[in-house]
Protein backbone atom coordinates (compact mmCIF):
# COMPACT_ATOMS: atom_id res chain seq x y z
CA MET A 1 73.41 53.37 17.31
CA LYS A 2 70.03 53.55 15.64
CA LEU A 3 67.72 56.52 16.17
CA ILE A 4 65.12 54.35 17.94
CA ASP A 5 67.75 53.25 20.48
CA LEU A 6 68.64 56.86 21.23
CA ILE A 7 64.98 57.81 21.63
CA ILE A 8 64.29 54.89 23.98
CA ASN A 9 67.32 55.74 26.13
CA LEU A 10 66.33 59.41 26.29
CA GLN A 11 62.78 58.45 27.27
CA LYS A 12 64.18 56.32 30.11
CA LEU A 13 66.02 59.37 31.44
CA MET A 14 62.75 61.31 31.44
CA VAL A 15 60.96 58.51 33.33
CA ILE A 16 63.68 58.53 35.99
CA ASP A 17 63.10 62.25 36.54
CA PRO A 18 61.06 64.53 34.25
CA MET A 19 63.33 67.41 35.33
CA ASN A 20 66.08 65.74 33.26
CA GLY A 21 64.35 67.40 30.31
CA ASN A 22 65.92 70.68 31.44
CA LEU A 23 69.50 69.38 31.28
CA ASP A 24 71.98 70.58 28.66
CA VAL A 25 72.91 68.04 25.96
CA VAL A 26 76.61 67.55 25.19
CA PHE A 27 78.68 65.27 22.97
CA SER A 28 82.19 63.89 23.24
CA ILE A 29 84.58 65.29 20.62
CA ASP A 30 86.31 61.90 20.34
CA ASP A 31 86.00 58.32 21.54
CA GLU A 32 88.48 58.88 24.39
CA GLY A 33 86.52 61.68 26.06
CA ASN A 34 89.22 64.30 25.51
CA GLY A 35 86.65 67.06 25.37
CA TYR A 36 82.96 67.82 25.30
CA GLU A 37 80.82 70.38 23.48
CA GLU A 38 77.16 71.35 23.69
CA ILE A 39 74.72 70.37 20.98
CA TYR A 40 73.34 73.56 19.45
CA PHE A 41 71.58 72.47 16.28
CA ASP A 42 68.37 70.62 15.56
CA PRO A 43 68.73 67.05 14.26
CA ALA A 44 69.00 66.81 10.47
CA LEU A 45 68.16 63.99 8.07
CA GLY A 46 70.69 63.23 5.39
CA THR A 47 73.23 60.88 3.90
CA TYR A 48 76.35 59.67 5.68
CA ASP A 49 79.29 58.24 3.78
CA LYS A 50 81.10 55.97 6.25
CA GLU A 51 84.22 55.71 4.10
CA GLU A 52 84.63 59.45 3.54
CA LYS A 53 83.20 60.34 6.99
CA GLU A 54 81.00 62.99 5.36
CA PHE A 55 77.40 63.95 6.10
CA HIS A 56 75.15 65.87 3.72
CA SER A 57 71.83 67.16 5.01
CA VAL A 58 68.84 66.87 2.72
CA ASP A 59 68.63 70.66 3.18
CA ASP A 60 72.00 70.97 1.37
CA PHE A 61 70.49 69.79 -1.90
CA GLU A 62 68.77 72.04 -4.43
CA GLU A 63 65.15 71.39 -5.37
CA ASP A 64 66.18 69.89 -8.74
CA ASP A 65 68.95 67.68 -7.29
CA GLU A 66 68.52 63.95 -6.95
CA ILE A 67 68.80 63.33 -3.21
CA PRO A 68 70.65 60.13 -2.31
CA THR A 69 68.92 57.69 0.01
CA VAL A 70 68.63 59.14 3.51
CA ASN A 71 70.56 56.85 5.86
CA ALA A 72 71.40 58.93 8.93
CA VAL A 73 70.41 61.61 11.43
CA CYS A 74 73.02 64.20 12.39
CA ILE A 75 72.65 65.55 15.93
CA ASN A 76 75.10 68.43 15.64
């Protein structure tokens, strides 16, 4: 999913009922829905390695480090 798709879908929920903005936000711990957890952290920009399944926030890098191209937003 692209960030714009997520934003559009969230905006639709707000149009349906602005009170939806007060709902808790949760995520599924796996693709089978075997558990759910709340989202606690602010979204972070960074790099995601699909092969290694690793995410590194731009905040993880030191000021002198060369930051790889940002390609993802982490929501938790």
